[in-house]
Structures are given as C-alpha cells and as structure tokens.
Amino acid sequence: MYKWLILNALVQRLADGAFIPVDPRNKDWNDVLAWVAAGNVIADADPPPQLEPPRDPLAEIDALKAALTAKAVITEADIDAASVSLGKAVSP
C-alpha cells in the first residue's frame, strides 16, 4: 500500500516507509504505477496539522490591565500571576 506525502511529487510505501519520487525513471515509481493499474488506489496524504491562531500580545496585555483595574485590592498573588501572564504575552 502507498500513501501520498506531497501530491504529484512524493509517495510513501507503507510496508517499509520508503519515499518514492514521482519519476518515470524510478523503478519503485513504476511499481506504484503497476499497483495502481491493478485497481489499487494511493491513499490520500494526511491533513496538515491544525495550528493555533496567532496570539495578539496587545490584546492579552489590555485584558490583563482590565482585570487588575477591576479589582478593589490587588494582592501580591495578583501581581505574580500578572507577571507570568505578561511574560507569556510578550515572549515568542
């Protein structure tokens, strides 16, 4: 069985993990074509991983500022938590 890795460019043979370029001079590619001609189908490539949406550090800082401003009393624990949150907001 085979699976596309890069559509129309690279196939993986699942039996041994070999990567096979789409190249008519390549014996393994010709084996893939014979396998397909026998009625088999190359499996689709895996979907790309889902990426997290980009963060908006300014919005995170504004939210943090609003949360601290809304408190009547700001404790040391609040400041520590804000420092950790702020570090996440401005670090890559």
PDB file of N, CA and C in Angstrom:
ATOM      1  N   MET A   1       0.850  -1.178   0.000  1.00  0.00           N
ATOM      2  CA  MET A   1       0.000   0.000   0.000  1.00  0.00           C
ATOM      3  C   MET A   1       0.895   1.241   0.000  1.00  0.00           C
ATOM      4  N   TYR A   2       0.388   2.293  -0.594  1.00  0.00           N
ATOM      5  CA  TYR A   2       1.141   3.541  -0.730  1.00  0.00           C
ATOM      6  C   TYR A   2       0.282   4.714  -0.265  1.00  0.00           C
ATOM      7  N   LYS A   3       0.971   5.797   0.111  1.00  0.00           N
ATOM      8  CA  LYS A   3       0.264   6.997   0.553  1.00  0.00           C
ATOM      9  C   LYS A   3       0.988   8.210  -0.032  1.00  0.00           C
ATOM     10  N   TRP A   4       0.181   9.153  -0.518  1.00  0.00           N
ATOM     11  CA  TRP A   4       0.757  10.419  -0.981  1.00  0.00           C
ATOM     12  C   TRP A   4       1.322  11.171   0.210  1.00  0.00           C
ATOM     13  N   LEU A   5       2.495  11.748   0.034  1.00  0.00           N
ATOM     14  CA  LEU A   5       3.040  12.669   1.027  1.00  0.00           C
ATOM     15  C   LEU A   5       2.949  14.087   0.496  1.00  0.00           C
ATOM     16  N   ILE A   6       3.367  14.240  -0.751  1.00  0.00           N
ATOM     17  CA  ILE A   6       3.234  15.511  -1.450  1.00  0.00           C
ATOM     18  C   ILE A   6       2.556  15.174  -2.768  1.00  0.00           C
ATOM     19  N   LEU A   7       1.339  15.636  -2.933  1.00  0.00           N
ATOM     20  CA  LEU A   7       0.543  15.267  -4.093  1.00  0.00           C
ATOM     21  C   LEU A   7       1.309  15.513  -5.392  1.00  0.00           C
ATOM     22  N   ASN A   8       1.336  14.506  -6.229  1.00  0.00           N
ATOM     23  CA  ASN A   8       2.004  14.535  -7.533  1.00  0.00           C
ATOM     24  C   ASN A   8       3.520  14.716  -7.452  1.00  0.00           C
ATOM     25  N   ALA A   9       4.109  14.459  -6.277  1.00  0.00           N
ATOM     26  CA  ALA A   9       5.558  14.617  -6.167  1.00  0.00           C
ATOM     27  C   ALA A   9       6.226  13.504  -5.363  1.00  0.00           C
ATOM     28  N   LEU A  10       5.575  12.991  -4.313  1.00  0.00           N
ATOM     29  CA  LEU A  10       6.227  12.024  -3.431  1.00  0.00           C
ATOM     30  C   LEU A  10       5.202  11.077  -2.821  1.00  0.00           C
ATOM     31  N   VAL A  11       5.533   9.779  -2.850  1.00  0.00           N
ATOM     32  CA  VAL A  11       4.684   8.729  -2.300  1.00  0.00           C
ATOM     33  C   VAL A  11       5.497   7.973  -1.259  1.00  0.00           C
ATOM     34  N   GLN A  12       4.819   7.463  -0.239  1.00  0.00           N
ATOM     35  CA  GLN A  12       5.495   6.612   0.738  1.00  0.00           C
ATOM     36  C   GLN A  12       4.954   5.200   0.617  1.00  0.00           C
ATOM     37  N   ARG A  13       5.884   4.223   0.532  1.00  0.00           N
ATOM     38  CA  ARG A  13       5.487   2.817   0.555  1.00  0.00           C
ATOM     39  C   ARG A  13       5.338   2.444   2.020  1.00  0.00           C
ATOM     40  N   LEU A  14       4.130   2.087   2.427  1.00  0.00           N
ATOM     41  CA  LEU A  14       3.839   1.873   3.842  1.00  0.00           C
ATOM     42  C   LEU A  14       4.479   0.601   4.392  1.00  0.00           C
ATOM     43  N   ALA A  15       4.776  -0.363   3.549  1.00  0.00           N
ATOM     44  CA  ALA A  15       5.362  -1.616   4.022  1.00  0.00           C
ATOM     45  C   ALA A  15       6.723  -1.403   4.676  1.00  0.00           C
ATOM     46  N   ASP A  16       7.530  -0.497   4.123  1.00  0.00           N
ATOM     47  CA  ASP A  16       8.867  -0.283   4.670  1.00  0.00           C
ATOM     48  C   ASP A  16       9.199   1.190   4.913  1.00  0.00           C
ATOM     49  N   GLY A  17       8.241   2.088   4.647  1.00  0.00           N
ATOM     50  CA  GLY A  17       8.449   3.511   4.890  1.00  0.00           C
ATOM     51  C   GLY A  17       9.266   4.222   3.831  1.00  0.00           C
ATOM     52  N   ALA A  18       9.587   3.546   2.724  1.00  0.00           N
ATOM     53  CA  ALA A  18      10.414   4.153   1.680  1.00  0.00           C
ATOM     54  C   ALA A  18       9.679   5.314   1.021  1.00  0.00           C
ATOM     55  N   PHE A  19      10.436   6.365   0.710  1.00  0.00           N
ATOM     56  CA  PHE A  19       9.904   7.518  -0.002  1.00  0.00           C
ATOM     57  C   PHE A  19      10.206   7.345  -1.479  1.00  0.00           C
ATOM     58  N   ILE A  20       9.165   7.510  -2.305  1.00  0.00           N
ATOM     59  CA  ILE A  20       9.302   7.253  -3.737  1.00  0.00           C
ATOM     60  C   ILE A  20       8.924   8.514  -4.499  1.00  0.00           C
ATOM     61  N   PRO A  21       9.892   9.098  -5.220  1.00  0.00           N
ATOM     62  CA  PRO A  21       9.569  10.279  -6.016  1.00  0.00           C
ATOM     63  C   PRO A  21       8.784   9.888  -7.264  1.00  0.00           C
ATOM     64  N   VAL A  22       7.965  10.819  -7.717  1.00  0.00           N
ATOM     65  CA  VAL A  22       7.228  10.614  -8.967  1.00  0.00           C
ATOM     66  C   VAL A  22       8.225  10.885 -10.094  1.00  0.00           C
ATOM     67  N   ASP A  23       8.797   9.782 -10.596  1.00  0.00           N
ATOM     68  CA  ASP A  23       9.849   9.880 -11.608  1.00  0.00           C
ATOM     69  C   ASP A  23       9.777   8.639 -12.474  1.00  0.00           C
ATOM     70  N   PRO A  24       9.468   8.788 -13.761  1.00  0.00           N
ATOM     71  CA  PRO A  24       9.314   7.616 -14.625  1.00  0.00           C
ATOM     72  C   PRO A  24      10.598   6.785 -14.735  1.00  0.00           C
ATOM     73  N   ARG A  25      11.735   7.322 -14.359  1.00  0.00           N
ATOM     74  CA  ARG A  25      12.988   6.559 -14.402  1.00  0.00           C
ATOM     75  C   ARG A  25      13.192   5.738 -13.134  1.00  0.00           C
ATOM     76  N   ASN A  26      12.345   5.953 -12.125  1.00  0.00           N
ATOM     77  CA  ASN A  26      12.495   5.276 -10.840  1.00  0.00           C
ATOM     78  C   ASN A  26      11.728   3.957 -10.860  1.00  0.00           C
ATOM     79  N   LYS A  27      12.433   2.842 -10.588  1.00  0.00           N
ATOM     80  CA  LYS A  27      11.800   1.521 -10.608  1.00  0.00           C
ATOM     81  C   LYS A  27      10.654   1.432  -9.610  1.00  0.00           C
ATOM     82  N   ASP A  28      10.872   1.998  -8.410  1.00  0.00           N
ATOM     83  CA  ASP A  28       9.812   1.937  -7.393  1.00  0.00           C
ATOM     84  C   ASP A  28       8.565   2.703  -7.841  1.00  0.00           C
ATOM     85  N   TRP A  29       8.742   3.837  -8.523  1.00  0.00           N
ATOM     86  CA  TRP A  29       7.590   4.583  -9.020  1.00  0.00           C
ATOM     87  C   TRP A  29       6.843   3.762 -10.056  1.00  0.00           C
ATOM     88  N   ASN A  30       7.587   3.061 -10.902  1.00  0.00           N
ATOM     89  CA  ASN A  30       6.938   2.202 -11.896  1.00  0.00           C
ATOM     90  C   ASN A  30       6.191   1.057 -11.229  1.00  0.00           C
ATOM     91  N   ASP A  31       6.710   0.556 -10.099  1.00  0.00           N
ATOM     92  CA  ASP A  31       5.977  -0.458  -9.332  1.00  0.00           C
ATOM     93  C   ASP A  31       4.673   0.119  -8.786  1.00  0.00           C
ATOM     94  N   VAL A  32       4.716   1.370  -8.333  1.00  0.00           N
ATOM     95  CA  VAL A  32       3.494   2.037  -7.849  1.00  0.00           C
ATOM     96  C   VAL A  32       2.479   2.124  -8.980  1.00  0.00           C
ATOM     97  N   LEU A  33       2.927   2.543 -10.165  1.00  0.00           N
ATOM     98  CA  LEU A  33       2.016   2.665 -11.307  1.00  0.00           C
ATOM     99  C   LEU A  33       1.395   1.316 -11.660  1.00  0.00           C
ATOM    100  N   ALA A  34       2.175   0.245 -11.595  1.00  0.00           N
ATOM    101  CA  ALA A  34       1.637  -1.097 -11.874  1.00  0.00           C
ATOM    102  C   ALA A  34       0.622  -1.491 -10.810  1.00  0.00           C
ATOM    103  N   TRP A  35       0.904  -1.157  -9.571  1.00  0.00           N
ATOM    104  CA  TRP A  35      -0.006  -1.455  -8.463  1.00  0.00           C
ATOM    105  C   TRP A  35      -1.330  -0.719  -8.658  1.00  0.00           C
ATOM    106  N   VAL A  36      -1.263   0.555  -9.082  1.00  0.00           N
ATOM    107  CA  VAL A  36      -2.472   1.345  -9.353  1.00  0.00           C
ATOM    108  C   VAL A  36      -3.206   0.766 -10.562  1.00  0.00           C
ATOM    109  N   ALA A  37      -2.468   0.369 -11.582  1.00  0.00           N
ATOM    110  CA  ALA A  37      -3.092  -0.208 -12.783  1.00  0.00           C
ATOM    111  C   ALA A  37      -3.838  -1.501 -12.452  1.00  0.00           C
ATOM    112  N   ALA A  38      -3.430  -2.172 -11.381  1.00  0.00           N
ATOM    113  CA  ALA A  38      -4.102  -3.404 -10.954  1.00  0.00           C
ATOM    114  C   ALA A  38      -5.381  -3.116 -10.169  1.00  0.00           C
ATOM    115  N   GLY A  39      -5.749  -1.831 -10.049  1.00  0.00           N
ATOM    116  CA  GLY A  39      -7.008  -1.478  -9.401  1.00  0.00           C
ATOM    117  C   GLY A  39      -6.869  -0.904  -8.004  1.00  0.00           C
ATOM    118  N   ASN A  40      -5.662  -0.698  -7.565  1.00  0.00           N
ATOM    119  CA  ASN A  40      -5.438  -0.137  -6.231  1.00  0.00           C
ATOM    120  C   ASN A  40      -5.431   1.394  -6.281  1.00  0.00           C
ATOM    121  N   VAL A  41      -5.554   2.000  -5.137  1.00  0.00           N
ATOM    122  CA  VAL A  41      -5.596   3.463  -5.047  1.00  0.00           C
ATOM    123  C   VAL A  41      -4.572   3.916  -4.002  1.00  0.00           C
ATOM    124  N   ILE A  42      -3.798   4.931  -4.352  1.00  0.00           N
ATOM    125  CA  ILE A  42      -2.853   5.517  -3.406  1.00  0.00           C
ATOM    126  C   ILE A  42      -3.656   6.298  -2.362  1.00  0.00           C
ATOM    127  N   ALA A  43      -3.358   6.040  -1.099  1.00  0.00           N
ATOM    128  CA  ALA A  43      -4.076   6.719  -0.009  1.00  0.00           C
ATOM    129  C   ALA A  43      -3.755   8.215  -0.030  1.00  0.00           C
ATOM    130  N   ASP A  44      -4.734   9.011   0.380  1.00  0.00           N
ATOM    131  CA  ASP A  44      -4.541  10.463   0.454  1.00  0.00           C
ATOM    132  C   ASP A  44      -3.508  10.814   1.512  1.00  0.00           C
ATOM    133  N   ALA A  45      -2.871  11.936   1.324  1.00  0.00           N
ATOM    134  CA  ALA A  45      -1.931  12.455   2.320  1.00  0.00           C
ATOM    135  C   ALA A  45      -2.681  12.824   3.589  1.00  0.00           C
ATOM    136  N   ASP A  46      -1.982  12.780   4.711  1.00  0.00           N
ATOM    137  CA  ASP A  46      -2.578  13.220   5.972  1.00  0.00           C
ATOM    138  C   ASP A  46      -2.873  14.711   5.876  1.00  0.00           C
ATOM    139  N   PRO A  47      -3.945  15.168   6.519  1.00  0.00           N
ATOM    140  CA  PRO A  47      -4.221  16.610   6.510  1.00  0.00           C
ATOM    141  C   PRO A  47      -3.127  17.340   7.284  1.00  0.00           C
ATOM    142  N   PRO A  48      -2.889  18.589   6.939  1.00  0.00           N
ATOM    143  CA  PRO A  48      -1.878  19.351   7.684  1.00  0.00           C
ATOM    144  C   PRO A  48      -2.325  19.538   9.130  1.00  0.00           C
ATOM    145  N   PRO A  49      -1.374  19.664  10.049  1.00  0.00           N
ATOM    146  CA  PRO A  49      -1.768  19.850  11.452  1.00  0.00           C
ATOM    147  C   PRO A  49      -2.501  21.165  11.645  1.00  0.00           C
ATOM    148  N   GLN A  50      -3.408  21.172  12.608  1.00  0.00           N
ATOM    149  CA  GLN A  50      -4.141  22.391  12.930  1.00  0.00           C
ATOM    150  C   GLN A  50      -3.234  23.285  13.776  1.00  0.00           C
ATOM    151  N   LEU A  51      -3.018  24.471  13.326  1.00  0.00           N
ATOM    152  CA  LEU A  51      -2.174  25.410  14.046  1.00  0.00           C
ATOM    153  C   LEU A  51      -3.031  26.314  14.922  1.00  0.00           C
ATOM    154  N   GLU A  52      -2.460  26.699  16.040  1.00  0.00           N
ATOM    155  CA  GLU A  52      -3.170  27.647  16.896  1.00  0.00           C
ATOM    156  C   GLU A  52      -3.188  28.996  16.202  1.00  0.00           C
ATOM    157  N   PRO A  53      -4.276  29.746  16.355  1.00  0.00           N
ATOM    158  CA  PRO A  53      -4.301  31.082  15.752  1.00  0.00           C
ATOM    159  C   PRO A  53      -3.213  31.943  16.385  1.00  0.00           C
ATOM    160  N   PRO A  54      -2.694  32.897  15.640  1.00  0.00           N
ATOM    161  CA  PRO A  54      -1.654  33.751  16.206  1.00  0.00           C
ATOM    162  C   PRO A  54      -2.174  34.527  17.415  1.00  0.00           C
ATOM    163  N   ARG A  55      -1.299  34.685  18.390  1.00  0.00           N
ATOM    164  CA  ARG A  55      -1.682  35.422  19.587  1.00  0.00           C
ATOM    165  C   ARG A  55      -1.579  36.912  19.319  1.00  0.00           C
ATOM    166  N   ASP A  56      -2.376  37.652  20.062  1.00  0.00           N
ATOM    167  CA  ASP A  56      -2.357  39.113  19.993  1.00  0.00           C
ATOM    168  C   ASP A  56      -1.861  39.623  21.340  1.00  0.00           C
ATOM    169  N   PRO A  57      -0.541  39.852  21.468  1.00  0.00           N
ATOM    170  CA  PRO A  57       0.006  40.249  22.762  1.00  0.00           C
ATOM    171  C   PRO A  57      -0.615  41.530  23.314  1.00  0.00           C
ATOM    172  N   LEU A  58      -0.925  42.477  22.452  1.00  0.00           N
ATOM    173  CA  LEU A  58      -1.517  43.731  22.949  1.00  0.00           C
ATOM    174  C   LEU A  58      -2.896  43.487  23.548  1.00  0.00           C
ATOM    175  N   ALA A  59      -3.673  42.616  22.929  1.00  0.00           N
ATOM    176  CA  ALA A  59      -4.993  42.297  23.478  1.00  0.00           C
ATOM    177  C   ALA A  59      -4.851  41.568  24.813  1.00  0.00           C
ATOM    178  N   GLU A  60      -3.850  40.681  24.925  1.00  0.00           N
ATOM    179  CA  GLU A  60      -3.632  39.978  26.189  1.00  0.00           C
ATOM    180  C   GLU A  60      -3.231  40.958  27.293  1.00  0.00           C
ATOM    181  N   ILE A  61      -2.388  41.918  26.954  1.00  0.00           N
ATOM    182  CA  ILE A  61      -1.979  42.929  27.935  1.00  0.00           C
ATOM    183  C   ILE A  61      -3.170  43.799  28.332  1.00  0.00           C
ATOM    184  N   ASP A  62      -3.991  44.198  27.372  1.00  0.00           N
ATOM    185  CA  ASP A  62      -5.184  45.001  27.680  1.00  0.00           C
ATOM    186  C   ASP A  62      -6.134  44.238  28.587  1.00  0.00           C
ATOM    187  N   ALA A  63      -6.316  42.931  28.323  1.00  0.00           N
ATOM    188  CA  ALA A  63      -7.206  42.122  29.158  1.00  0.00           C
ATOM    189  C   ALA A  63      -6.653  42.011  30.573  1.00  0.00           C
ATOM    190  N   LEU A  64      -5.357  41.832  30.682  1.00  0.00           N
ATOM    191  CA  LEU A  64      -4.722  41.756  31.988  1.00  0.00           C
ATOM    192  C   LEU A  64      -4.882  43.076  32.750  1.00  0.00           C
ATOM    193  N   LYS A  65      -4.660  44.184  32.066  1.00  0.00           N
ATOM    194  CA  LYS A  65      -4.796  45.510  32.681  1.00  0.00           C
ATOM    195  C   LYS A  65      -6.244  45.729  33.147  1.00  0.00           C
ATOM    196  N   ALA A  66      -7.215  45.324  32.314  1.00  0.00           N
ATOM    197  CA  ALA A  66      -8.622  45.494  32.691  1.00  0.00           C
ATOM    198  C   ALA A  66      -8.967  44.641  33.908  1.00  0.00           C
ATOM    199  N   ALA A  67      -8.430  43.412  33.956  1.00  0.00           N
ATOM    200  CA  ALA A  67      -8.719  42.534  35.095  1.00  0.00           C
ATOM    201  C   ALA A  67      -8.140  43.105  36.382  1.00  0.00           C
ATOM    202  N   LEU A  68      -6.928  43.641  36.300  1.00  0.00           N
ATOM    203  CA  LEU A  68      -6.323  44.218  37.507  1.00  0.00           C
ATOM    204  C   LEU A  68      -7.006  45.518  37.913  1.00  0.00           C
ATOM    205  N   THR A  69      -7.414  46.318  36.945  1.00  0.00           N
ATOM    206  CA  THR A  69      -8.091  47.584  37.232  1.00  0.00           C
ATOM    207  C   THR A  69      -9.443  47.348  37.892  1.00  0.00           C
ATOM    208  N   ALA A  70     -10.096  46.244  37.545  1.00  0.00           N
ATOM    209  CA  ALA A  70     -11.433  45.952  38.078  1.00  0.00           C
ATOM    210  C   ALA A  70     -11.384  45.479  39.530  1.00  0.00           C
ATOM    211  N   LYS A  71     -10.219  45.074  40.001  1.00  0.00           N
ATOM    212  CA  LYS A  71     -10.119  44.596  41.384  1.00  0.00           C
ATOM    213  C   LYS A  71     -10.032  45.783  42.344  1.00  0.00           C
ATOM    214  N   ALA A  72     -10.689  45.658  43.490  1.00  0.00           N
ATOM    215  CA  ALA A  72     -10.630  46.705  44.507  1.00  0.00           C
ATOM    216  C   ALA A  72      -9.259  46.701  45.187  1.00  0.00           C
ATOM    217  N   VAL A  73      -8.739  45.513  45.416  1.00  0.00           N
ATOM    218  CA  VAL A  73      -7.439  45.367  46.068  1.00  0.00           C
ATOM    219  C   VAL A  73      -6.614  44.399  45.222  1.00  0.00           C
ATOM    220  N   ILE A  74      -5.402  44.819  44.919  1.00  0.00           N
ATOM    221  CA  ILE A  74      -4.507  43.956  44.145  1.00  0.00           C
ATOM    222  C   ILE A  74      -3.511  43.337  45.111  1.00  0.00           C
ATOM    223  N   THR A  75      -3.505  42.001  45.150  1.00  0.00           N
ATOM    224  CA  THR A  75      -2.628  41.287  46.067  1.00  0.00           C
ATOM    225  C   THR A  75      -1.299  40.956  45.394  1.00  0.00           C
ATOM    226  N   GLU A  76      -0.362  40.500  46.215  1.00  0.00           N
ATOM    227  CA  GLU A  76       0.927  40.071  45.669  1.00  0.00           C
ATOM    228  C   GLU A  76       0.733  38.893  44.713  1.00  0.00           C
ATOM    229  N   ALA A  77      -0.208  38.011  45.030  1.00  0.00           N
ATOM    230  CA  ALA A  77      -0.507  36.873  44.158  1.00  0.00           C
ATOM    231  C   ALA A  77      -1.024  37.359  42.799  1.00  0.00           C
ATOM    232  N   ASP A  78      -1.826  38.433  42.813  1.00  0.00           N
ATOM    233  CA  ASP A  78      -2.306  39.008  41.549  1.00  0.00           C
ATOM    234  C   ASP A  78      -1.137  39.518  40.717  1.00  0.00           C
ATOM    235  N   ILE A  79      -0.196  40.169  41.383  1.00  0.00           N
ATOM    236  CA  ILE A  79       0.966  40.711  40.672  1.00  0.00           C
ATOM    237  C   ILE A  79       1.809  39.577  40.105  1.00  0.00           C
ATOM    238  N   ASP A  80       2.005  38.514  40.908  1.00  0.00           N
ATOM    239  CA  ASP A  80       2.762  37.364  40.420  1.00  0.00           C
ATOM    240  C   ASP A  80       2.077  36.729  39.208  1.00  0.00           C
ATOM    241  N   ALA A  81       0.761  36.551  39.300  1.00  0.00           N
ATOM    242  CA  ALA A  81       0.016  35.961  38.180  1.00  0.00           C
ATOM    243  C   ALA A  81       0.092  36.854  36.951  1.00  0.00           C
ATOM    244  N   ALA A  82       0.011  38.167  37.158  1.00  0.00           N
ATOM    245  CA  ALA A  82       0.099  39.098  36.036  1.00  0.00           C
ATOM    246  C   ALA A  82       1.473  39.040  35.396  1.00  0.00           C
ATOM    247  N   SER A  83       2.510  38.904  36.209  1.00  0.00           N
ATOM    248  CA  SER A  83       3.875  38.814  35.676  1.00  0.00           C
ATOM    249  C   SER A  83       4.028  37.579  34.802  1.00  0.00           C
ATOM    250  N   VAL A  84       3.489  36.461  35.263  1.00  0.00           N
ATOM    251  CA  VAL A  84       3.555  35.227  34.468  1.00  0.00           C
ATOM    252  C   VAL A  84       2.782  35.408  33.174  1.00  0.00           C
ATOM    253  N   SER A  85       1.582  35.950  33.267  1.00  0.00           N
ATOM    254  CA  SER A  85       0.754  36.169  32.079  1.00  0.00           C
ATOM    255  C   SER A  85       1.418  37.143  31.120  1.00  0.00           C
ATOM    256  N   LEU A  86       1.991  38.191  31.655  1.00  0.00           N
ATOM    257  CA  LEU A  86       2.661  39.191  30.819  1.00  0.00           C
ATOM    258  C   LEU A  86       3.855  38.567  30.110  1.00  0.00           C
ATOM    259  N   GLY A  87       4.588  37.710  30.808  1.00  0.00           N
ATOM    260  CA  GLY A  87       5.714  37.020  30.185  1.00  0.00           C
ATOM    261  C   GLY A  87       5.271  36.190  29.002  1.00  0.00           C
ATOM    262  N   LYS A  88       4.112  35.528  29.115  1.00  0.00           N
ATOM    263  CA  LYS A  88       3.587  34.735  28.011  1.00  0.00           C
ATOM    264  C   LYS A  88       3.143  35.639  26.866  1.00  0.00           C
ATOM    265  N   ALA A  89       2.630  36.793  27.197  1.00  0.00           N
ATOM    266  CA  ALA A  89       2.105  37.687  26.162  1.00  0.00           C
ATOM    267  C   ALA A  89       3.210  38.292  25.302  1.00  0.00           C
ATOM    268  N   VAL A  90       4.360  38.535  25.890  1.00  0.00           N
ATOM    269  CA  VAL A  90       5.404  39.204  25.130  1.00  0.00           C
ATOM    270  C   VAL A  90       6.496  38.264  24.648  1.00  0.00           C
ATOM    271  N   SER A  91       6.505  37.005  25.092  1.00  0.00           N
ATOM    272  CA  SER A  91       7.525  36.075  24.613  1.00  0.00           C
ATOM    273  C   SER A  91       7.035  35.414  23.324  1.00  0.00           C
ATOM    274  N   PRO A  92       7.969  35.038  22.446  1.00  0.00           N
ATOM    275  CA  PRO A  92       7.564  34.428  21.163  1.00  0.00           C
ATOM    276  C   PRO A  92       6.957  33.057  21.344  1.00  0.00           C
TER     277      PRO A  92
END
